[in-house]
Amino acid sequence: MSTRTSTIGKASPTPWAPDTFPAWVLYCAGALIAFSLISVGLVRITGNGPDQRAAAAVAERTLRFEDRSDGGVAVLDGQSGQLLAVLRGEQGFVRGTLRALARERHSRGIGNGPSFTLTAYVDQRLTLKDPATGARIDLESFGPTNMAEFARFLPAKTP
């Protein structure tokens, strides 16, 4: 009686082969990742990033926004209380921006009392800040037309 051995399910005997993927590619990828992480870390630590540079402010005004009974929104100077404008109709960008800031205030239990700060910078940036929550909206990110909707509330330039 002869015994037969089955080779089903067994790997065929092949000599061991080293990895064929070049190791230098992995080293380069690791170096690139390390360089990226170190670069981002240094920019954040030193404060020299493009969004972190402090440009000089050329104009600033505190603003209060109040809902009116006719559905409009009154824009008031935050210090003097002077009426600057009444926004009627959609005013989509202004209302959307104010809704975002109001939502943040509401989630923190802050009312409408504190004024917002609108600031124009030398480098043509315009920001709307909420000192009560620390929220900031960079208005230039939404294009010149939308930025102009808020820029009109800045004080007139004096010669």
N, C-alpha and C. Protein backbone atom coordinates (compact mmCIF):
# COMPACT_ATOMS: atom_id res chain seq x y z
N MET A 1 0.83 -1.16 0.00
CA MET A 1 0.00 0.00 0.00
C MET A 1 0.88 1.23 0.00
N SER A 2 0.63 2.06 -0.93
CA SER A 2 1.44 3.26 -1.01
C SER A 2 0.67 4.44 -0.45
N THR A 3 1.42 5.31 0.15
CA THR A 3 0.78 6.50 0.70
C THR A 3 1.11 7.68 -0.19
N ARG A 4 0.11 8.43 -0.44
CA ARG A 4 0.28 9.62 -1.27
C ARG A 4 0.11 10.84 -0.38
N THR A 5 0.95 11.76 -0.59
CA THR A 5 0.82 13.01 0.16
C THR A 5 0.14 14.03 -0.73
N SER A 6 -0.76 14.74 -0.14
CA SER A 6 -1.52 15.74 -0.89
C SER A 6 -0.84 17.09 -0.77
N THR A 7 -0.81 17.82 -1.85
CA THR A 7 -0.23 19.17 -1.84
C THR A 7 -1.30 20.24 -1.95
N ILE A 8 -2.55 19.84 -1.78
CA ILE A 8 -3.64 20.80 -1.86
C ILE A 8 -3.59 21.68 -0.62
N GLY A 9 -3.66 22.97 -0.85
CA GLY A 9 -3.67 23.92 0.26
C GLY A 9 -2.27 24.28 0.75
N LYS A 10 -1.27 23.68 0.20
CA LYS A 10 0.09 24.00 0.62
C LYS A 10 0.73 24.91 -0.42
N ALA A 11 1.53 25.83 0.07
CA ALA A 11 2.22 26.73 -0.85
C ALA A 11 3.32 25.97 -1.56
N SER A 12 3.50 26.33 -2.77
CA SER A 12 4.57 25.66 -3.52
C SER A 12 5.92 26.16 -3.00
N PRO A 13 6.84 25.30 -2.95
CA PRO A 13 8.15 25.68 -2.39
C PRO A 13 8.87 26.65 -3.32
N THR A 14 8.92 27.92 -2.93
CA THR A 14 9.65 28.91 -3.69
C THR A 14 10.68 29.52 -2.76
N PRO A 15 11.76 29.91 -3.29
CA PRO A 15 12.77 30.52 -2.43
C PRO A 15 12.27 31.86 -1.90
N TRP A 16 12.69 32.21 -0.70
CA TRP A 16 12.29 33.47 -0.08
C TRP A 16 12.87 34.61 -0.89
N ALA A 17 12.00 35.64 -1.16
CA ALA A 17 12.44 36.80 -1.95
C ALA A 17 12.31 38.04 -1.10
N PRO A 18 13.31 38.90 -1.11
CA PRO A 18 13.21 40.14 -0.34
C PRO A 18 12.13 41.04 -0.94
N ASP A 19 11.67 42.05 -0.15
CA ASP A 19 10.68 42.99 -0.66
C ASP A 19 11.21 43.67 -1.90
N THR A 20 10.32 43.81 -2.85
CA THR A 20 10.75 44.44 -4.09
C THR A 20 10.47 45.93 -4.12
N PHE A 21 9.75 46.47 -3.07
CA PHE A 21 9.45 47.90 -3.02
C PHE A 21 10.69 48.63 -2.50
N PRO A 22 11.16 49.65 -3.21
CA PRO A 22 12.39 50.33 -2.78
C PRO A 22 12.21 51.06 -1.44
N ALA A 23 13.12 50.86 -0.55
CA ALA A 23 13.06 51.46 0.78
C ALA A 23 13.24 52.98 0.71
N TRP A 24 13.98 53.47 -0.27
CA TRP A 24 14.24 54.91 -0.35
C TRP A 24 12.96 55.71 -0.55
N VAL A 25 11.95 55.09 -1.19
CA VAL A 25 10.67 55.78 -1.40
C VAL A 25 10.00 56.01 -0.04
N LEU A 26 10.03 55.02 0.83
CA LEU A 26 9.45 55.17 2.17
C LEU A 26 10.20 56.21 2.99
N TYR A 27 11.51 56.22 2.88
CA TYR A 27 12.30 57.22 3.61
C TYR A 27 11.97 58.64 3.12
N CYS A 28 11.84 58.81 1.83
CA CYS A 28 11.50 60.13 1.28
C CYS A 28 10.09 60.56 1.72
N ALA A 29 9.15 59.64 1.71
CA ALA A 29 7.80 59.97 2.14
C ALA A 29 7.79 60.35 3.62
N GLY A 30 8.52 59.61 4.43
CA GLY A 30 8.62 59.94 5.86
C GLY A 30 9.26 61.29 6.08
N ALA A 31 10.30 61.60 5.31
CA ALA A 31 10.98 62.89 5.44
C ALA A 31 10.05 64.03 5.02
N LEU A 32 9.27 63.82 3.99
CA LEU A 32 8.32 64.84 3.53
C LEU A 32 7.24 65.11 4.59
N ILE A 33 6.73 64.07 5.18
CA ILE A 33 5.73 64.23 6.24
C ILE A 33 6.34 64.94 7.44
N ALA A 34 7.54 64.55 7.85
CA ALA A 34 8.21 65.19 8.99
C ALA A 34 8.46 66.67 8.70
N PHE A 35 8.92 66.99 7.48
CA PHE A 35 9.18 68.37 7.10
C PHE A 35 7.89 69.19 7.17
N SER A 36 6.78 68.62 6.68
CA SER A 36 5.50 69.34 6.69
C SER A 36 5.05 69.62 8.12
N LEU A 37 5.13 68.63 8.97
CA LEU A 37 4.70 68.81 10.36
C LEU A 37 5.57 69.83 11.09
N ILE A 38 6.87 69.77 10.88
CA ILE A 38 7.77 70.73 11.53
C ILE A 38 7.51 72.14 11.01
N SER A 39 7.30 72.28 9.70
CA SER A 39 7.05 73.61 9.12
C SER A 39 5.76 74.22 9.67
N VAL A 40 4.70 73.45 9.70
CA VAL A 40 3.43 73.96 10.21
C VAL A 40 3.57 74.32 11.69
N GLY A 41 4.26 73.48 12.44
CA GLY A 41 4.47 73.76 13.86
C GLY A 41 5.23 75.05 14.08
N LEU A 42 6.28 75.27 13.30
CA LEU A 42 7.06 76.51 13.44
C LEU A 42 6.26 77.74 13.08
N VAL A 43 5.45 77.65 12.04
CA VAL A 43 4.62 78.80 11.65
C VAL A 43 3.63 79.12 12.76
N ARG A 44 3.02 78.10 13.33
CA ARG A 44 2.03 78.33 14.39
C ARG A 44 2.69 78.88 15.66
N ILE A 45 3.85 78.36 16.00
CA ILE A 45 4.53 78.79 17.23
C ILE A 45 5.05 80.22 17.11
N THR A 46 5.64 80.54 15.97
CA THR A 46 6.23 81.88 15.79
C THR A 46 5.21 82.94 15.43
N GLY A 47 4.04 82.53 14.94
CA GLY A 47 3.02 83.50 14.58
C GLY A 47 3.30 84.21 13.27
N ASN A 48 4.08 83.61 12.39
CA ASN A 48 4.42 84.24 11.12
C ASN A 48 3.60 83.74 9.95
N GLY A 49 2.49 83.10 10.22
CA GLY A 49 1.64 82.61 9.14
C GLY A 49 0.90 83.74 8.46
N PRO A 50 0.40 83.51 7.25
CA PRO A 50 -0.29 84.59 6.53
C PRO A 50 -1.54 85.07 7.23
N ASP A 51 -2.17 84.21 8.00
CA ASP A 51 -3.38 84.63 8.71
C ASP A 51 -3.07 85.16 10.10
N GLN A 52 -1.81 85.19 10.48
CA GLN A 52 -1.45 85.59 11.83
C GLN A 52 -0.67 86.91 11.87
N ARG A 53 -0.32 87.41 10.73
CA ARG A 53 0.42 88.67 10.72
C ARG A 53 -0.49 89.81 11.13
N ALA A 54 0.01 90.64 12.01
CA ALA A 54 -0.79 91.76 12.48
C ALA A 54 -0.56 92.96 11.56
N ALA A 55 -1.57 93.29 10.79
CA ALA A 55 -1.50 94.48 9.95
C ALA A 55 -2.08 95.65 10.73
N ALA A 56 -1.65 96.82 10.38
CA ALA A 56 -2.13 98.02 11.07
C ALA A 56 -3.58 98.30 10.68
N ALA A 57 -4.38 98.64 11.67
CA ALA A 57 -5.77 99.00 11.42
C ALA A 57 -5.84 100.44 10.93
N VAL A 58 -6.63 100.68 9.87
CA VAL A 58 -6.77 102.04 9.35
C VAL A 58 -8.12 102.65 9.73
N ALA A 59 -9.10 101.82 10.03
CA ALA A 59 -10.41 102.32 10.44
C ALA A 59 -11.08 101.26 11.30
N GLU A 60 -11.83 101.74 12.29
CA GLU A 60 -12.51 100.82 13.17
C GLU A 60 -13.78 101.47 13.71
N ARG A 61 -14.81 100.68 13.86
CA ARG A 61 -16.06 101.19 14.42
C ARG A 61 -16.76 100.06 15.15
N THR A 62 -17.33 100.41 16.30
CA THR A 62 -18.16 99.44 17.00
C THR A 62 -19.58 99.59 16.48
N LEU A 63 -20.23 98.47 16.28
CA LEU A 63 -21.57 98.46 15.69
C LEU A 63 -22.53 97.63 16.54
N ARG A 64 -23.76 98.11 16.61
CA ARG A 64 -24.84 97.35 17.22
C ARG A 64 -25.90 97.15 16.16
N PHE A 65 -26.49 95.99 16.17
CA PHE A 65 -27.55 95.66 15.22
C PHE A 65 -28.80 95.34 16.03
N GLU A 66 -29.90 96.04 15.71
CA GLU A 66 -31.14 95.83 16.44
C GLU A 66 -32.27 95.53 15.46
N ASP A 67 -33.07 94.55 15.80
CA ASP A 67 -34.24 94.22 14.99
C ASP A 67 -35.30 95.30 15.20
N ARG A 68 -35.98 95.65 14.11
CA ARG A 68 -37.05 96.65 14.19
C ARG A 68 -38.40 95.96 14.00
N SER A 69 -39.44 96.65 14.41
CA SER A 69 -40.79 96.07 14.32
C SER A 69 -41.24 95.86 12.88
N ASP A 70 -40.69 96.64 11.94
CA ASP A 70 -41.09 96.50 10.53
C ASP A 70 -40.30 95.41 9.80
N GLY A 71 -39.46 94.66 10.52
CA GLY A 71 -38.69 93.58 9.91
C GLY A 71 -37.30 94.00 9.49
N GLY A 72 -36.99 95.28 9.56
CA GLY A 72 -35.68 95.76 9.21
C GLY A 72 -34.69 95.56 10.35
N VAL A 73 -33.45 95.83 10.05
CA VAL A 73 -32.39 95.76 11.05
C VAL A 73 -31.73 97.13 11.10
N ALA A 74 -31.73 97.73 12.29
CA ALA A 74 -31.08 99.03 12.47
C ALA A 74 -29.61 98.80 12.78
N VAL A 75 -28.76 99.55 12.06
CA VAL A 75 -27.32 99.50 12.30
C VAL A 75 -26.96 100.78 13.05
N LEU A 76 -26.47 100.61 14.28
CA LEU A 76 -26.17 101.75 15.14
C LEU A 76 -24.69 101.80 15.46
N ASP A 77 -24.16 103.02 15.61
CA ASP A 77 -22.80 103.17 16.10
C ASP A 77 -22.78 102.68 17.55
N GLY A 78 -21.84 101.83 17.88
CA GLY A 78 -21.81 101.22 19.19
C GLY A 78 -21.50 102.18 20.32
N GLN A 79 -20.85 103.31 20.02
CA GLN A 79 -20.50 104.25 21.07
C GLN A 79 -21.50 105.39 21.19
N SER A 80 -21.84 105.99 20.07
CA SER A 80 -22.72 107.16 20.12
C SER A 80 -24.20 106.80 20.01
N GLY A 81 -24.51 105.61 19.50
CA GLY A 81 -25.90 105.23 19.30
C GLY A 81 -26.51 105.82 18.05
N GLN A 82 -25.71 106.52 17.24
CA GLN A 82 -26.18 107.14 16.00
C GLN A 82 -26.65 106.07 15.02
N LEU A 83 -27.81 106.30 14.41
CA LEU A 83 -28.35 105.40 13.41
C LEU A 83 -27.54 105.55 12.12
N LEU A 84 -26.89 104.46 11.68
CA LEU A 84 -26.08 104.51 10.46
C LEU A 84 -26.88 104.06 9.24
N ALA A 85 -27.73 103.08 9.41
CA ALA A 85 -28.52 102.56 8.29
C ALA A 85 -29.62 101.67 8.84
N VAL A 86 -30.62 101.47 8.00
CA VAL A 86 -31.66 100.49 8.29
C VAL A 86 -31.66 99.52 7.12
N LEU A 87 -31.43 98.27 7.42
CA LEU A 87 -31.38 97.24 6.39
C LEU A 87 -32.78 96.67 6.21
N ARG A 88 -33.27 96.77 5.01
CA ARG A 88 -34.61 96.25 4.71
C ARG A 88 -34.49 95.18 3.64
N GLY A 89 -35.45 94.33 3.59
CA GLY A 89 -35.43 93.29 2.57
C GLY A 89 -34.50 92.16 2.96
N GLU A 90 -34.01 91.48 1.95
CA GLU A 90 -33.20 90.29 2.20
C GLU A 90 -31.85 90.62 2.86
N GLN A 91 -31.06 91.46 2.21
CA GLN A 91 -29.73 91.76 2.72
C GLN A 91 -29.03 90.46 3.12
N GLY A 92 -29.01 89.51 2.22
CA GLY A 92 -28.58 88.14 2.50
C GLY A 92 -27.25 87.99 3.21
N PHE A 93 -26.21 88.64 2.71
CA PHE A 93 -24.90 88.44 3.30
C PHE A 93 -24.82 89.04 4.69
N VAL A 94 -25.33 90.26 4.86
CA VAL A 94 -25.26 90.91 6.17
C VAL A 94 -26.08 90.12 7.18
N ARG A 95 -27.28 89.75 6.82
CA ARG A 95 -28.13 88.99 7.74
C ARG A 95 -27.53 87.62 8.04
N GLY A 96 -26.97 86.96 7.05
CA GLY A 96 -26.34 85.65 7.26
C GLY A 96 -25.15 85.74 8.21
N THR A 97 -24.36 86.78 8.03
CA THR A 97 -23.21 86.98 8.92
C THR A 97 -23.66 87.25 10.34
N LEU A 98 -24.66 88.10 10.48
CA LEU A 98 -25.17 88.41 11.82
C LEU A 98 -25.82 87.20 12.46
N ARG A 99 -26.51 86.36 11.66
CA ARG A 99 -27.10 85.14 12.20
C ARG A 99 -26.04 84.21 12.75
N ALA A 100 -24.93 84.08 12.05
CA ALA A 100 -23.85 83.21 12.52
C ALA A 100 -23.30 83.70 13.86
N LEU A 101 -23.09 85.01 13.97
CA LEU A 101 -22.58 85.56 15.23
C LEU A 101 -23.63 85.48 16.34
N ALA A 102 -24.88 85.71 16.00
CA ALA A 102 -25.96 85.63 17.00
C ALA A 102 -26.13 84.20 17.50
N ARG A 103 -25.97 83.23 16.62
CA ARG A 103 -26.07 81.83 17.02
C ARG A 103 -24.99 81.48 18.04
N GLU A 104 -23.79 81.99 17.81
CA GLU A 104 -22.69 81.76 18.75
C GLU A 104 -22.99 82.41 20.09
N ARG A 105 -23.53 83.62 20.07
CA ARG A 105 -23.89 84.30 21.32
C ARG A 105 -24.99 83.53 22.05
N HIS A 106 -25.99 83.09 21.29
CA HIS A 106 -27.11 82.37 21.90
C HIS A 106 -26.63 81.08 22.56
N SER A 107 -25.71 80.36 21.91
CA SER A 107 -25.22 79.10 22.48
C SER A 107 -24.44 79.33 23.77
N ARG A 108 -23.92 80.53 23.95
CA ARG A 108 -23.18 80.84 25.18
C ARG A 108 -24.01 81.63 26.18
N GLY A 109 -25.26 81.89 25.86
CA GLY A 109 -26.14 82.60 26.77
C GLY A 109 -25.86 84.09 26.85
N ILE A 110 -25.33 84.66 25.78
CA ILE A 110 -25.03 86.10 25.73
C ILE A 110 -26.12 86.78 24.93
N GLY A 111 -26.62 87.87 25.43
CA GLY A 111 -27.68 88.61 24.74
C GLY A 111 -27.14 89.48 23.62
N ASN A 112 -27.98 90.39 23.14
CA ASN A 112 -27.62 91.29 22.04
C ASN A 112 -26.87 92.52 22.51
N GLY A 113 -26.65 92.67 23.78
CA GLY A 113 -26.08 93.89 24.33
C GLY A 113 -24.72 94.31 23.80
N PRO A 114 -23.70 93.45 23.87
CA PRO A 114 -22.36 93.89 23.46
C PRO A 114 -22.29 94.25 21.98
N SER A 115 -21.48 95.25 21.67
CA SER A 115 -21.31 95.69 20.29
C SER A 115 -20.29 94.80 19.56
N PHE A 116 -20.38 94.80 18.24
CA PHE A 116 -19.40 94.13 17.38
C PHE A 116 -18.36 95.16 16.98
N THR A 117 -17.20 94.69 16.55
CA THR A 117 -16.15 95.60 16.11
C THR A 117 -15.84 95.32 14.64
N LEU A 118 -16.00 96.34 13.81
CA LEU A 118 -15.68 96.25 12.39
C LEU A 118 -14.35 96.97 12.18
N THR A 119 -13.37 96.26 11.62
CA THR A 119 -12.02 96.81 11.48
C THR A 119 -11.53 96.64 10.05
N ALA A 120 -11.00 97.73 9.48
CA ALA A 120 -10.35 97.70 8.16
C ALA A 120 -8.86 97.82 8.39
N TYR A 121 -8.09 97.04 7.63
CA TYR A 121 -6.64 97.00 7.78
C TYR A 121 -5.95 97.55 6.55
N VAL A 122 -4.68 97.88 6.71
CA VAL A 122 -3.87 98.42 5.63
C VAL A 122 -3.83 97.47 4.43
N ASP A 123 -3.81 96.18 4.69
CA ASP A 123 -3.68 95.20 3.60
C ASP A 123 -5.02 94.84 2.95
N GLN A 124 -6.00 95.73 3.06
CA GLN A 124 -7.32 95.60 2.42
C GLN A 124 -8.18 94.50 3.03
N ARG A 125 -7.86 94.07 4.23
CA ARG A 125 -8.71 93.10 4.91
C ARG A 125 -9.77 93.83 5.72
N LEU A 126 -10.86 93.15 5.96
CA LEU A 126 -11.95 93.71 6.75
C LEU A 126 -12.48 92.59 7.63
N THR A 127 -12.53 92.84 8.94
CA THR A 127 -13.00 91.81 9.85
C THR A 127 -14.14 92.33 10.71
N LEU A 128 -15.04 91.43 11.05
CA LEU A 128 -16.11 91.71 12.00
C LEU A 128 -15.86 90.80 13.19
N LYS A 129 -15.60 91.40 14.35
CA LYS A 129 -15.28 90.64 15.55
C LYS A 129 -16.38 90.79 16.58
N ASP A 130 -16.59 89.73 17.30
CA ASP A 130 -17.52 89.75 18.42
C ASP A 130 -16.70 89.61 19.70
N PRO A 131 -16.45 90.72 20.39
CA PRO A 131 -15.64 90.64 21.60
C PRO A 131 -16.26 89.79 22.70
N ALA A 132 -17.57 89.61 22.67
CA ALA A 132 -18.24 88.83 23.70
C ALA A 132 -17.92 87.34 23.59
N THR A 133 -17.73 86.84 22.36
CA THR A 133 -17.47 85.41 22.16
C THR A 133 -16.07 85.14 21.63
N GLY A 134 -15.41 86.16 21.11
CA GLY A 134 -14.10 85.96 20.49
C GLY A 134 -14.20 85.52 19.04
N ALA A 135 -15.40 85.42 18.50
CA ALA A 135 -15.58 85.01 17.10
C ALA A 135 -15.15 86.13 16.17
N ARG A 136 -14.56 85.75 15.03
CA ARG A 136 -14.10 86.73 14.04
C ARG A 136 -14.45 86.21 12.65
N ILE A 137 -14.98 87.10 11.84
CA ILE A 137 -15.28 86.74 10.45
C ILE A 137 -14.45 87.63 9.55
N ASP A 138 -13.63 87.01 8.73
CA ASP A 138 -12.81 87.73 7.75
C ASP A 138 -13.68 87.97 6.53
N LEU A 139 -14.16 89.18 6.39
CA LEU A 139 -15.15 89.50 5.36
C LEU A 139 -14.58 89.50 3.94
N GLU A 140 -13.28 89.75 3.78
CA GLU A 140 -12.71 89.77 2.44
C GLU A 140 -12.75 88.39 1.80
N SER A 141 -12.93 87.36 2.60
CA SER A 141 -13.01 86.00 2.07
C SER A 141 -14.25 85.78 1.23
N PHE A 142 -15.23 86.65 1.36
CA PHE A 142 -16.49 86.48 0.65
C PHE A 142 -16.60 87.36 -0.58
N GLY A 143 -15.51 87.98 -0.97
CA GLY A 143 -15.49 88.78 -2.19
C GLY A 143 -15.73 90.25 -1.94
N PRO A 144 -15.36 91.09 -2.91
CA PRO A 144 -15.45 92.54 -2.73
C PRO A 144 -16.88 93.07 -2.60
N THR A 145 -17.83 92.44 -3.26
CA THR A 145 -19.21 92.93 -3.17
C THR A 145 -19.76 92.73 -1.76
N ASN A 146 -19.55 91.56 -1.21
CA ASN A 146 -20.04 91.29 0.14
C ASN A 146 -19.25 92.10 1.17
N MET A 147 -17.97 92.28 0.95
CA MET A 147 -17.16 93.07 1.87
C MET A 147 -17.65 94.52 1.88
N ALA A 148 -18.06 95.03 0.73
CA ALA A 148 -18.54 96.41 0.64
C ALA A 148 -19.83 96.62 1.43
N GLU A 149 -20.61 95.55 1.61
CA GLU A 149 -21.83 95.66 2.41
C GLU A 149 -21.53 96.09 3.84
N PHE A 150 -20.39 95.66 4.37
CA PHE A 150 -20.00 96.06 5.72
C PHE A 150 -19.10 97.29 5.70
N ALA A 151 -18.29 97.46 4.66
CA ALA A 151 -17.36 98.58 4.61
C ALA A 151 -18.08 99.93 4.65
N ARG A 152 -19.31 99.97 4.20
CA ARG A 152 -20.06 101.23 4.20
C ARG A 152 -20.35 101.72 5.61
N PHE A 153 -20.23 100.85 6.62
CA PHE A 153 -20.49 101.26 8.00
C PHE A 153 -19.26 101.85 8.68
N LEU A 154 -18.12 101.80 8.01
CA LEU A 154 -16.91 102.38 8.60
C LEU A 154 -17.00 103.90 8.61
N PRO A 155 -16.30 104.56 9.51
CA PRO A 155 -16.33 106.03 9.51
C PRO A 155 -15.72 106.58 8.24
N ALA A 156 -16.22 107.73 7.82
CA ALA A 156 -15.71 108.37 6.61
C ALA A 156 -14.24 108.75 6.84
N LYS A 157 -13.44 108.58 5.80
CA LYS A 157 -12.01 108.91 5.90
C LYS A 157 -11.85 110.43 5.98
N THR A 158 -10.99 110.83 6.87
CA THR A 158 -10.70 112.25 7.00
C THR A 158 -9.40 112.55 6.29
N PRO A 159 -9.29 113.70 5.63
CA PRO A 159 -8.07 114.01 4.87
C PRO A 159 -6.88 114.25 5.77
